[in-house]
Amino acid sequence: MEILNSSVTLISHLVFIAMTHQILRNLFDWSKLIKNTPENIGRLKVFILLVSIALGYMVSHFILEIITVSQTFFFGFQ
């Protein structure tokens, strides 16, 4: 059962990180915020990656915590 929980957690984190990364890349017009030099584009890619990891992890953790609380609440009444 522990392997299943770990696998679901890992997959959830990766999915939400990928979703956040796609949203950050496609939602904003980054050229309006930075100058289009090769140095800035590289830095922007690293920045988007780090922000998407942080946000994706937090959203995934929040969703998994809601599932855990729901299970505890549901099984508490039985």
PDB file of N, CA and C in Angstrom:
ATOM      1  N   MET A   1       0.821  -1.193   0.000  1.00  0.00           N
ATOM      2  CA  MET A   1       0.000   0.000   0.000  1.00  0.00           C
ATOM      3  C   MET A   1       0.869   1.263   0.000  1.00  0.00           C
ATOM      4  N   GLU A   2       2.027   1.179   0.646  1.00  0.00           N
ATOM      5  CA  GLU A   2       2.921   2.327   0.705  1.00  0.00           C
ATOM      6  C   GLU A   2       3.464   2.682  -0.678  1.00  0.00           C
ATOM      7  N   ILE A   3       3.765   1.654  -1.477  1.00  0.00           N
ATOM      8  CA  ILE A   3       4.266   1.907  -2.835  1.00  0.00           C
ATOM      9  C   ILE A   3       3.201   2.581  -3.680  1.00  0.00           C
ATOM     10  N   LEU A   4       1.953   2.196  -3.506  1.00  0.00           N
ATOM     11  CA  LEU A   4       0.853   2.810  -4.250  1.00  0.00           C
ATOM     12  C   LEU A   4       0.712   4.284  -3.868  1.00  0.00           C
ATOM     13  N   ASN A   5       0.746   4.589  -2.592  1.00  0.00           N
ATOM     14  CA  ASN A   5       0.646   5.982  -2.147  1.00  0.00           C
ATOM     15  C   ASN A   5       1.818   6.820  -2.666  1.00  0.00           C
ATOM     16  N   SER A   6       3.012   6.262  -2.618  1.00  0.00           N
ATOM     17  CA  SER A   6       4.182   6.985  -3.107  1.00  0.00           C
ATOM     18  C   SER A   6       4.105   7.219  -4.614  1.00  0.00           C
ATOM     19  N   SER A   7       3.626   6.233  -5.337  1.00  0.00           N
ATOM     20  CA  SER A   7       3.493   6.368  -6.787  1.00  0.00           C
ATOM     21  C   SER A   7       2.459   7.420  -7.156  1.00  0.00           C
ATOM     22  N   VAL A   8       1.325   7.399  -6.479  1.00  0.00           N
ATOM     23  CA  VAL A   8       0.280   8.391  -6.744  1.00  0.00           C
ATOM     24  C   VAL A   8       0.776   9.786  -6.405  1.00  0.00           C
ATOM     25  N   THR A   9       1.494   9.916  -5.310  1.00  0.00           N
ATOM     26  CA  THR A   9       2.042  11.219  -4.922  1.00  0.00           C
ATOM     27  C   THR A   9       3.034  11.726  -5.956  1.00  0.00           C
ATOM     28  N   LEU A  10       3.940  10.883  -6.393  1.00  0.00           N
ATOM     29  CA  LEU A  10       4.934  11.275  -7.387  1.00  0.00           C
ATOM     30  C   LEU A  10       4.272  11.665  -8.707  1.00  0.00           C
ATOM     31  N   ILE A  11       3.346  10.861  -9.171  1.00  0.00           N
ATOM     32  CA  ILE A  11       2.649  11.159 -10.422  1.00  0.00           C
ATOM     33  C   ILE A  11       1.859  12.452 -10.302  1.00  0.00           C
ATOM     34  N   SER A  12       1.210  12.655  -9.172  1.00  0.00           N
ATOM     35  CA  SER A  12       0.456  13.886  -8.954  1.00  0.00           C
ATOM     36  C   SER A  12       1.369  15.108  -9.000  1.00  0.00           C
ATOM     37  N   HIS A  13       2.494  15.040  -8.329  1.00  0.00           N
ATOM     38  CA  HIS A  13       3.437  16.157  -8.336  1.00  0.00           C
ATOM     39  C   HIS A  13       3.914  16.454  -9.759  1.00  0.00           C
ATOM     40  N   LEU A  14       4.290  15.414 -10.489  1.00  0.00           N
ATOM     41  CA  LEU A  14       4.801  15.610 -11.843  1.00  0.00           C
ATOM     42  C   LEU A  14       3.740  16.178 -12.783  1.00  0.00           C
ATOM     43  N   VAL A  15       2.508  15.687 -12.648  1.00  0.00           N
ATOM     44  CA  VAL A  15       1.425  16.182 -13.509  1.00  0.00           C
ATOM     45  C   VAL A  15       1.140  17.650 -13.231  1.00  0.00           C
ATOM     46  N   PHE A  16       1.040  18.016 -11.966  1.00  0.00           N
ATOM     47  CA  PHE A  16       0.741  19.403 -11.644  1.00  0.00           C
ATOM     48  C   PHE A  16       1.906  20.343 -11.979  1.00  0.00           C
ATOM     49  N   ILE A  17       3.134  19.863 -11.854  1.00  0.00           N
ATOM     50  CA  ILE A  17       4.280  20.677 -12.255  1.00  0.00           C
ATOM     51  C   ILE A  17       4.254  20.894 -13.767  1.00  0.00           C
ATOM     52  N   ALA A  18       3.966  19.844 -14.526  1.00  0.00           N
ATOM     53  CA  ALA A  18       3.894  19.984 -15.987  1.00  0.00           C
ATOM     54  C   ALA A  18       2.754  20.911 -16.399  1.00  0.00           C
ATOM     55  N   MET A  19       1.603  20.787 -15.746  1.00  0.00           N
ATOM     56  CA  MET A  19       0.473  21.664 -16.061  1.00  0.00           C
ATOM     57  C   MET A  19       0.808  23.118 -15.762  1.00  0.00           C
ATOM     58  N   THR A  20       1.430  23.363 -14.621  1.00  0.00           N
ATOM     59  CA  THR A  20       1.800  24.722 -14.250  1.00  0.00           C
ATOM     60  C   THR A  20       2.825  25.294 -15.220  1.00  0.00           C
ATOM     61  N   HIS A  21       3.761  24.464 -15.636  1.00  0.00           N
ATOM     62  CA  HIS A  21       4.779  24.918 -16.589  1.00  0.00           C
ATOM     63  C   HIS A  21       4.133  25.319 -17.914  1.00  0.00           C
ATOM     64  N   GLN A  22       3.218  24.511 -18.414  1.00  0.00           N
ATOM     65  CA  GLN A  22       2.525  24.848 -19.665  1.00  0.00           C
ATOM     66  C   GLN A  22       1.710  26.123 -19.519  1.00  0.00           C
ATOM     67  N   ILE A  23       1.030  26.267 -18.406  1.00  0.00           N
ATOM     68  CA  ILE A  23       0.220  27.474 -18.177  1.00  0.00           C
ATOM     69  C   ILE A  23       1.110  28.716 -18.138  1.00  0.00           C
ATOM     70  N   LEU A  24       2.227  28.639 -17.418  1.00  0.00           N
ATOM     71  CA  LEU A  24       3.115  29.798 -17.324  1.00  0.00           C
ATOM     72  C   LEU A  24       3.732  30.160 -18.674  1.00  0.00           C
ATOM     73  N   ARG A  25       4.035  29.158 -19.484  1.00  0.00           N
ATOM     74  CA  ARG A  25       4.633  29.434 -20.792  1.00  0.00           C
ATOM     75  C   ARG A  25       3.626  30.018 -21.770  1.00  0.00           C
ATOM     76  N   ASN A  26       2.387  29.550 -21.720  1.00  0.00           N
ATOM     77  CA  ASN A  26       1.408  29.954 -22.724  1.00  0.00           C
ATOM     78  C   ASN A  26       0.509  31.107 -22.303  1.00  0.00           C
ATOM     79  N   LEU A  27       0.337  31.316 -21.022  1.00  0.00           N
ATOM     80  CA  LEU A  27      -0.624  32.308 -20.555  1.00  0.00           C
ATOM     81  C   LEU A  27      -0.085  33.733 -20.645  1.00  0.00           C
ATOM     82  N   PHE A  28       1.177  33.917 -20.323  1.00  0.00           N
ATOM     83  CA  PHE A  28       1.751  35.249 -20.270  1.00  0.00           C
ATOM     84  C   PHE A  28       2.565  35.541 -21.521  1.00  0.00           C
ATOM     85  N   ASP A  29       2.560  36.792 -21.927  1.00  0.00           N
ATOM     86  CA  ASP A  29       3.438  37.243 -23.000  1.00  0.00           C
ATOM     87  C   ASP A  29       4.708  37.782 -22.338  1.00  0.00           C
ATOM     88  N   TRP A  30       5.677  36.908 -22.188  1.00  0.00           N
ATOM     89  CA  TRP A  30       6.885  37.249 -21.431  1.00  0.00           C
ATOM     90  C   TRP A  30       7.722  38.297 -22.146  1.00  0.00           C
ATOM     91  N   SER A  31       7.547  38.458 -23.456  1.00  0.00           N
ATOM     92  CA  SER A  31       8.347  39.442 -24.179  1.00  0.00           C
ATOM     93  C   SER A  31       8.005  40.867 -23.754  1.00  0.00           C
ATOM     94  N   LYS A  32       6.814  41.068 -23.190  1.00  0.00           N
ATOM     95  CA  LYS A  32       6.458  42.393 -22.693  1.00  0.00           C
ATOM     96  C   LYS A  32       7.125  42.699 -21.356  1.00  0.00           C
ATOM     97  N   LEU A  33       7.547  41.656 -20.649  1.00  0.00           N
ATOM     98  CA  LEU A  33       8.141  41.851 -19.326  1.00  0.00           C
ATOM     99  C   LEU A  33       9.663  41.913 -19.345  1.00  0.00           C
ATOM    100  N   ILE A  34      10.284  41.248 -20.336  1.00  0.00           N
ATOM    101  CA  ILE A  34      11.749  41.224 -20.386  1.00  0.00           C
ATOM    102  C   ILE A  34      12.218  41.611 -21.780  1.00  0.00           C
ATOM    103  N   LYS A  35      13.476  41.987 -21.869  1.00  0.00           N
ATOM    104  CA  LYS A  35      14.086  42.244 -23.171  1.00  0.00           C
ATOM    105  C   LYS A  35      14.465  40.913 -23.791  1.00  0.00           C
ATOM    106  N   ASN A  36      14.320  40.794 -25.088  1.00  0.00           N
ATOM    107  CA  ASN A  36      14.593  39.529 -25.785  1.00  0.00           C
ATOM    108  C   ASN A  36      16.067  39.387 -26.139  1.00  0.00           C
ATOM    109  N   THR A  37      16.891  39.232 -25.130  1.00  0.00           N
ATOM    110  CA  THR A  37      18.296  38.903 -25.363  1.00  0.00           C
ATOM    111  C   THR A  37      18.487  37.438 -25.001  1.00  0.00           C
ATOM    112  N   PRO A  38      19.467  36.777 -25.598  1.00  0.00           N
ATOM    113  CA  PRO A  38      19.683  35.348 -25.286  1.00  0.00           C
ATOM    114  C   PRO A  38      19.915  35.079 -23.795  1.00  0.00           C
ATOM    115  N   GLU A  39      20.589  35.995 -23.117  1.00  0.00           N
ATOM    116  CA  GLU A  39      20.837  35.811 -21.683  1.00  0.00           C
ATOM    117  C   GLU A  39      19.534  35.837 -20.901  1.00  0.00           C
ATOM    118  N   ASN A  40      18.678  36.792 -21.234  1.00  0.00           N
ATOM    119  CA  ASN A  40      17.406  36.913 -20.523  1.00  0.00           C
ATOM    120  C   ASN A  40      16.470  35.751 -20.835  1.00  0.00           C
ATOM    121  N   ILE A  41      16.502  35.238 -22.050  1.00  0.00           N
ATOM    122  CA  ILE A  41      15.640  34.108 -22.399  1.00  0.00           C
ATOM    123  C   ILE A  41      16.048  32.874 -21.596  1.00  0.00           C
ATOM    124  N   GLY A  42      17.351  32.643 -21.460  1.00  0.00           N
ATOM    125  CA  GLY A  42      17.826  31.521 -20.643  1.00  0.00           C
ATOM    126  C   GLY A  42      17.435  31.673 -19.185  1.00  0.00           C
ATOM    127  N   ARG A  43      17.586  32.875 -18.674  1.00  0.00           N
ATOM    128  CA  ARG A  43      17.206  33.134 -17.284  1.00  0.00           C
ATOM    129  C   ARG A  43      15.705  32.983 -17.097  1.00  0.00           C
ATOM    130  N   LEU A  44      14.933  33.436 -18.075  1.00  0.00           N
ATOM    131  CA  LEU A  44      13.479  33.318 -17.993  1.00  0.00           C
ATOM    132  C   LEU A  44      13.039  31.860 -17.982  1.00  0.00           C
ATOM    133  N   LYS A  45      13.691  31.023 -18.788  1.00  0.00           N
ATOM    134  CA  LYS A  45      13.349  29.597 -18.804  1.00  0.00           C
ATOM    135  C   LYS A  45      13.616  28.946 -17.449  1.00  0.00           C
ATOM    136  N   VAL A  46      14.737  29.296 -16.838  1.00  0.00           N
ATOM    137  CA  VAL A  46      15.055  28.760 -15.509  1.00  0.00           C
ATOM    138  C   VAL A  46      14.049  29.278 -14.484  1.00  0.00           C
ATOM    139  N   PHE A  47      13.717  30.561 -14.569  1.00  0.00           N
ATOM    140  CA  PHE A  47      12.741  31.153 -13.643  1.00  0.00           C
ATOM    141  C   PHE A  47      11.377  30.467 -13.775  1.00  0.00           C
ATOM    142  N   ILE A  48      10.912  30.265 -15.010  1.00  0.00           N
ATOM    143  CA  ILE A  48       9.621  29.605 -15.230  1.00  0.00           C
ATOM    144  C   ILE A  48       9.665  28.181 -14.703  1.00  0.00           C
ATOM    145  N   LEU A  49      10.768  27.483 -14.907  1.00  0.00           N
ATOM    146  CA  LEU A  49      10.898  26.119 -14.401  1.00  0.00           C
ATOM    147  C   LEU A  49      10.814  26.076 -12.880  1.00  0.00           C
ATOM    148  N   LEU A  50      11.540  26.964 -12.215  1.00  0.00           N
ATOM    149  CA  LEU A  50      11.531  26.971 -10.747  1.00  0.00           C
ATOM    150  C   LEU A  50      10.171  27.379 -10.180  1.00  0.00           C
ATOM    151  N   VAL A  51       9.540  28.369 -10.783  1.00  0.00           N
ATOM    152  CA  VAL A  51       8.219  28.792 -10.320  1.00  0.00           C
ATOM    153  C   VAL A  51       7.194  27.691 -10.563  1.00  0.00           C
ATOM    154  N   SER A  52       7.283  27.020 -11.697  1.00  0.00           N
ATOM    155  CA  SER A  52       6.322  25.947 -11.976  1.00  0.00           C
ATOM    156  C   SER A  52       6.531  24.756 -11.040  1.00  0.00           C
ATOM    157  N   ILE A  53       7.765  24.476 -10.654  1.00  0.00           N
ATOM    158  CA  ILE A  53       8.009  23.410  -9.678  1.00  0.00           C
ATOM    159  C   ILE A  53       7.388  23.780  -8.334  1.00  0.00           C
ATOM    160  N   ALA A  54       7.607  25.021  -7.908  1.00  0.00           N
ATOM    161  CA  ALA A  54       7.064  25.449  -6.615  1.00  0.00           C
ATOM    162  C   ALA A  54       5.537  25.458  -6.623  1.00  0.00           C
ATOM    163  N   LEU A  55       4.942  26.069  -7.620  1.00  0.00           N
ATOM    164  CA  LEU A  55       3.482  26.142  -7.676  1.00  0.00           C
ATOM    165  C   LEU A  55       2.845  24.774  -7.897  1.00  0.00           C
ATOM    166  N   GLY A  56       3.436  23.987  -8.797  1.00  0.00           N
ATOM    167  CA  GLY A  56       2.895  22.659  -9.070  1.00  0.00           C
ATOM    168  C   GLY A  56       2.942  21.763  -7.844  1.00  0.00           C
ATOM    169  N   TYR A  57       4.041  21.833  -7.096  1.00  0.00           N
ATOM    170  CA  TYR A  57       4.153  21.047  -5.869  1.00  0.00           C
ATOM    171  C   TYR A  57       3.113  21.476  -4.842  1.00  0.00           C
ATOM    172  N   MET A  58       2.937  22.785  -4.685  1.00  0.00           N
ATOM    173  CA  MET A  58       1.972  23.279  -3.688  1.00  0.00           C
ATOM    174  C   MET A  58       0.540  22.886  -4.056  1.00  0.00           C
ATOM    175  N   VAL A  59       0.185  23.005  -5.329  1.00  0.00           N
ATOM    176  CA  VAL A  59      -1.165  22.618  -5.761  1.00  0.00           C
ATOM    177  C   VAL A  59      -1.364  21.122  -5.578  1.00  0.00           C
ATOM    178  N   SER A  60      -0.372  20.334  -5.964  1.00  0.00           N
ATOM    179  CA  SER A  60      -0.465  18.882  -5.807  1.00  0.00           C
ATOM    180  C   SER A  60      -0.595  18.497  -4.343  1.00  0.00           C
ATOM    181  N   HIS A  61       0.204  19.116  -3.499  1.00  0.00           N
ATOM    182  CA  HIS A  61       0.140  18.831  -2.068  1.00  0.00           C
ATOM    183  C   HIS A  61      -1.232  19.195  -1.508  1.00  0.00           C
ATOM    184  N   PHE A  62      -1.775  20.316  -1.947  1.00  0.00           N
ATOM    185  CA  PHE A  62      -3.098  20.744  -1.508  1.00  0.00           C
ATOM    186  C   PHE A  62      -4.175  19.732  -1.920  1.00  0.00           C
ATOM    187  N   ILE A  63      -4.144  19.294  -3.159  1.00  0.00           N
ATOM    188  CA  ILE A  63      -5.131  18.317  -3.647  1.00  0.00           C
ATOM    189  C   ILE A  63      -4.996  16.993  -2.893  1.00  0.00           C
ATOM    190  N   LEU A  64      -3.770  16.523  -2.697  1.00  0.00           N
ATOM    191  CA  LEU A  64      -3.567  15.271  -1.965  1.00  0.00           C
ATOM    192  C   LEU A  64      -4.016  15.402  -0.511  1.00  0.00           C
ATOM    193  N   GLU A  65      -3.818  16.557   0.073  1.00  0.00           N
ATOM    194  CA  GLU A  65      -4.257  16.780   1.452  1.00  0.00           C
ATOM    195  C   GLU A  65      -5.779  16.789   1.542  1.00  0.00           C
ATOM    196  N   ILE A  66      -6.449  17.381   0.568  1.00  0.00           N
ATOM    197  CA  ILE A  66      -7.915  17.348   0.538  1.00  0.00           C
ATOM    198  C   ILE A  66      -8.416  15.920   0.431  1.00  0.00           C
ATOM    199  N   ILE A  67      -7.770  15.117  -0.388  1.00  0.00           N
ATOM    200  CA  ILE A  67      -8.160  13.708  -0.526  1.00  0.00           C
ATOM    201  C   ILE A  67      -7.961  12.977   0.793  1.00  0.00           C
ATOM    202  N   THR A  68      -6.847  13.210   1.461  1.00  0.00           N
ATOM    203  CA  THR A  68      -6.578  12.557   2.743  1.00  0.00           C
ATOM    204  C   THR A  68      -7.591  12.961   3.805  1.00  0.00           C
ATOM    205  N   VAL A  69      -7.897  14.246   3.883  1.00  0.00           N
ATOM    206  CA  VAL A  69      -8.878  14.726   4.864  1.00  0.00           C
ATOM    207  C   VAL A  69     -10.261  14.161   4.551  1.00  0.00           C
ATOM    208  N   SER A  70     -10.607  14.088   3.286  1.00  0.00           N
ATOM    209  CA  SER A  70     -11.900  13.521   2.891  1.00  0.00           C
ATOM    210  C   SER A  70     -11.996  12.049   3.271  1.00  0.00           C
ATOM    211  N   GLN A  71     -10.919  11.306   3.038  1.00  0.00           N
ATOM    212  CA  GLN A  71     -10.917   9.895   3.423  1.00  0.00           C
ATOM    213  C   GLN A  71     -11.047   9.738   4.924  1.00  0.00           C
ATOM    214  N   THR A  72     -10.326  10.533   5.691  1.00  0.00           N
ATOM    215  CA  THR A  72     -10.399  10.473   7.145  1.00  0.00           C
ATOM    216  C   THR A  72     -11.795  10.826   7.631  1.00  0.00           C
ATOM    217  N   PHE A  73     -12.379  11.851   7.043  1.00  0.00           N
ATOM    218  CA  PHE A  73     -13.730  12.270   7.413  1.00  0.00           C
ATOM    219  C   PHE A  73     -14.749  11.195   7.075  1.00  0.00           C
ATOM    220  N   PHE A  74     -14.619  10.605   5.892  1.00  0.00           N
ATOM    221  CA  PHE A  74     -15.557   9.576   5.434  1.00  0.00           C
ATOM    222  C   PHE A  74     -15.447   8.308   6.281  1.00  0.00           C
ATOM    223  N   PHE A  75     -14.212   7.853   6.512  1.00  0.00           N
ATOM    224  CA  PHE A  75     -14.023   6.620   7.271  1.00  0.00           C
ATOM    225  C   PHE A  75     -14.199   6.825   8.768  1.00  0.00           C
ATOM    226  N   GLY A  76     -14.227   8.051   9.220  1.00  0.00           N
ATOM    227  CA  GLY A  76     -14.464   8.333  10.639  1.00  0.00           C
ATOM    228  C   GLY A  76     -15.883   8.050  11.078  1.00  0.00           C
ATOM    229  N   PHE A  77     -16.829   8.095  10.153  1.00  0.00           N
ATOM    230  CA  PHE A  77     -18.228   7.868  10.470  1.00  0.00           C
ATOM    231  C   PHE A  77     -18.639   6.412  10.343  1.00  0.00           C
ATOM    232  N   GLN A  78     -17.753   5.545   9.944  1.00  0.00           N
ATOM    233  CA  GLN A  78     -18.132   4.137   9.784  1.00  0.00           C
ATOM    234  C   GLN A  78     -17.788   3.330  10.996  1.00  0.00           C
TER     235      GLN A  78
END
